[in-house]
C-alpha cells in the first residue's frame, strides 16, 4: 500500500469513527470584545442554538443555549458554558485549548432525563490574515 492510499484510508477511518463538530469560522474585526450568535443545524434533531461570547486577548468565555426547532419544547434543551484560549501561536498558526461543562435535559410523558458532561479539546487553526511585521 503506498503512502497516499494509507493517508486517505486513515482520513476515511477517522471521519467515519469520530463525531463531527462544527467550528466557528468567523474572523471578527480586531478589538471586538463581545459577540452574539444564532445557529441552526442538525444534531440529533433540527436544533437552534443561541450564544454569547466575551472576548479577551486571544481567548473567550462563552455561553450557549440549544433548543430543538422542529417542535419547540422548552422541556428539551441544552446549556453549555466554557472558555477557550490560545496555548501556542506562531505566525498565522495557533493551537487553542477549550473546556466546557454541558447540561442537557429532556422530559416527556414517558421519562425525564438529565445529562451532565464536560467537553475539552485542542484545535489547530490558521488565521488567513497576513502577518505584518517590522520588515513588511
Protein backbone atom coordinates (compact mmCIF):
# COMPACT_ATOMS: atom_id res chain seq x y z
CA UNK A 1 0.00 0.00 0.00
CA UNK A 2 1.54 3.34 -0.99
CA UNK A 3 1.72 6.42 1.21
CA UNK A 4 -1.18 8.26 -0.47
CA UNK A 5 -3.53 5.29 -0.07
CA UNK A 6 -2.53 4.96 3.58
CA UNK A 7 -3.26 8.63 4.28
CA UNK A 8 -6.64 8.52 2.50
CA UNK A 9 -7.57 5.33 4.38
CA UNK A 10 -6.60 6.85 7.74
CA UNK A 11 -8.61 10.00 6.99
CA UNK A 12 -11.66 7.93 5.97
CA UNK A 13 -11.49 5.83 9.14
CA UNK A 14 -11.21 8.94 11.35
CA UNK A 15 -14.03 10.73 9.50
CA UNK A 16 -16.35 7.75 9.94
CA UNK A 17 -15.33 6.91 13.52
CA UNK A 18 -15.24 10.38 15.10
CA UNK A 19 -18.32 12.53 15.72
CA UNK A 20 -18.43 15.73 13.69
CA UNK A 21 -18.37 19.12 15.34
CA UNK A 22 -18.82 22.45 13.58
CA UNK A 23 -16.20 25.08 14.16
CA UNK A 24 -16.70 28.82 14.32
CA UNK A 25 -15.13 30.26 11.20
CA UNK A 26 -15.93 33.95 11.60
CA UNK A 27 -12.92 36.24 11.72
CA UNK A 28 -14.10 39.05 13.96
CA UNK A 29 -12.60 42.50 13.47
CA UNK A 30 -9.58 43.32 15.62
CA UNK A 31 -10.61 44.69 19.02
CA UNK A 32 -14.05 43.01 19.13
CA UNK A 33 -14.98 42.41 22.77
CA UNK A 34 -18.43 40.77 22.53
CA UNK A 35 -20.30 38.63 20.01
CA UNK A 36 -23.80 37.19 19.80
CA UNK A 37 -24.73 34.28 17.54
CA UNK A 38 -27.72 32.28 16.40
CA UNK A 39 -27.07 28.91 14.73
CA UNK A 40 -29.45 26.47 13.10
CA UNK A 41 -28.34 22.93 12.25
CA UNK A 42 -28.73 19.20 12.54
CA UNK A 43 -27.61 17.38 15.64
CA UNK A 44 -29.93 14.68 16.98
CA UNK A 45 -32.74 16.87 15.58
CA UNK A 46 -33.09 20.25 13.93
CA UNK A 47 -31.53 22.47 16.63
CA UNK A 48 -31.39 26.22 17.19
CA UNK A 49 -28.52 27.47 19.33
CA UNK A 50 -28.10 30.97 20.73
CA UNK A 51 -24.70 32.03 22.02
CA UNK A 52 -22.94 34.95 23.67
CA UNK A 53 -19.17 35.34 23.93
CA UNK A 54 -16.92 37.80 25.72
CA UNK A 55 -13.52 38.07 24.02
CA UNK A 56 -10.33 38.98 25.82
CA UNK A 57 -6.89 38.92 24.23
CA UNK A 58 -6.57 35.60 22.42
CA UNK A 59 -9.31 33.86 24.42
CA UNK A 60 -13.01 33.95 25.06
CA UNK A 61 -15.63 32.95 27.61
CA UNK A 62 -18.97 31.87 26.17
CA UNK A 63 -22.42 30.55 26.94
CA UNK A 64 -24.79 28.64 24.63
CA UNK A 65 -28.41 27.59 24.86
CA UNK A 66 -29.72 24.93 22.44
CA UNK A 67 -33.33 24.01 21.75
CA UNK A 68 -34.83 21.58 19.18
CA UNK A 69 -36.52 23.61 16.41
CA UNK A 70 -38.74 21.04 14.71
CA UNK A 71 -41.14 21.01 17.65
CA UNK A 72 -40.26 23.75 20.13
CA UNK A 73 -40.36 22.19 23.57
CA UNK A 74 -38.79 24.03 26.49
CA UNK A 75 -38.57 20.71 28.36
CA UNK A 76 -35.86 19.59 25.90
CA UNK A 77 -32.78 21.83 25.99
CA UNK A 78 -29.02 22.04 26.47
CA UNK A 79 -26.91 24.68 28.22
CA UNK A 80 -23.15 24.99 27.75
CA UNK A 81 -20.70 27.46 29.29
CA UNK A 82 -16.99 27.38 28.70
CA UNK A 83 -13.85 29.07 27.55
CA UNK A 84 -11.04 28.79 25.07
CA UNK A 85 -7.65 30.41 24.74
CA UNK A 86 -4.56 30.18 22.58
CA UNK A 87 -1.89 27.93 24.09
CA UNK A 88 0.72 28.26 21.31
CA UNK A 89 1.00 30.62 18.35
CA UNK A 90 3.49 31.04 15.51
CA UNK A 91 2.80 33.33 12.56
CA UNK A 92 -0.69 32.59 11.25
CA UNK A 93 -0.92 29.24 13.10
CA UNK A 94 -2.23 28.74 16.61
CA UNK A 95 -3.19 25.89 18.93
CA UNK A 96 -6.22 26.60 21.08
CA UNK A 97 -7.39 24.74 24.19
CA UNK A 98 -11.04 24.68 25.25
CA UNK A 99 -13.12 23.38 28.15
CA UNK A 100 -16.89 23.44 28.69
CA UNK A 101 -19.33 21.74 31.08
CA UNK A 102 -22.65 20.85 29.37
CA UNK A 103 -26.09 20.23 30.89
CA UNK A 104 -28.83 18.57 28.82
CA UNK A 105 -32.38 17.94 29.94
CA UNK A 106 -35.32 16.22 28.28
CA UNK A 107 -38.75 15.48 29.67
CA UNK A 108 -41.76 13.83 28.07
CA UNK A 109 -44.74 11.67 29.06
CA UNK A 110 -42.61 8.54 29.43
CA UNK A 111 -39.46 9.70 31.25
CA UNK A 112 -37.29 12.58 32.41
CA UNK A 113 -33.55 12.51 31.74
CA UNK A 114 -30.66 14.79 32.67
CA UNK A 115 -27.12 14.54 31.37
CA UNK A 116 -24.03 16.31 32.63
CA UNK A 117 -20.72 16.14 30.77
CA UNK A 118 -17.52 18.09 30.29
CA UNK A 119 -16.05 18.75 26.87
CA UNK A 120 -12.36 19.51 26.38
CA UNK A 121 -10.42 19.87 23.19
CA UNK A 122 -7.47 21.12 21.19
CA UNK A 123 -7.93 22.98 17.92
CA UNK A 124 -5.25 23.87 15.40
CA UNK A 125 -6.21 26.97 13.42
CA UNK A 126 -4.72 29.10 10.68
CA UNK A 127 -5.63 32.78 10.58
CA UNK A 128 -5.83 33.74 6.92
CA UNK A 129 -4.87 37.35 7.53
CA UNK A 130 -1.39 38.48 6.54
CA UNK A 131 1.01 38.77 9.46
CA UNK A 132 2.52 42.27 9.49
CA UNK A 133 5.96 42.53 10.99
CA UNK A 134 8.57 45.29 11.18
CA UNK A 135 10.12 44.28 7.79
CA UNK A 136 6.85 44.00 5.79
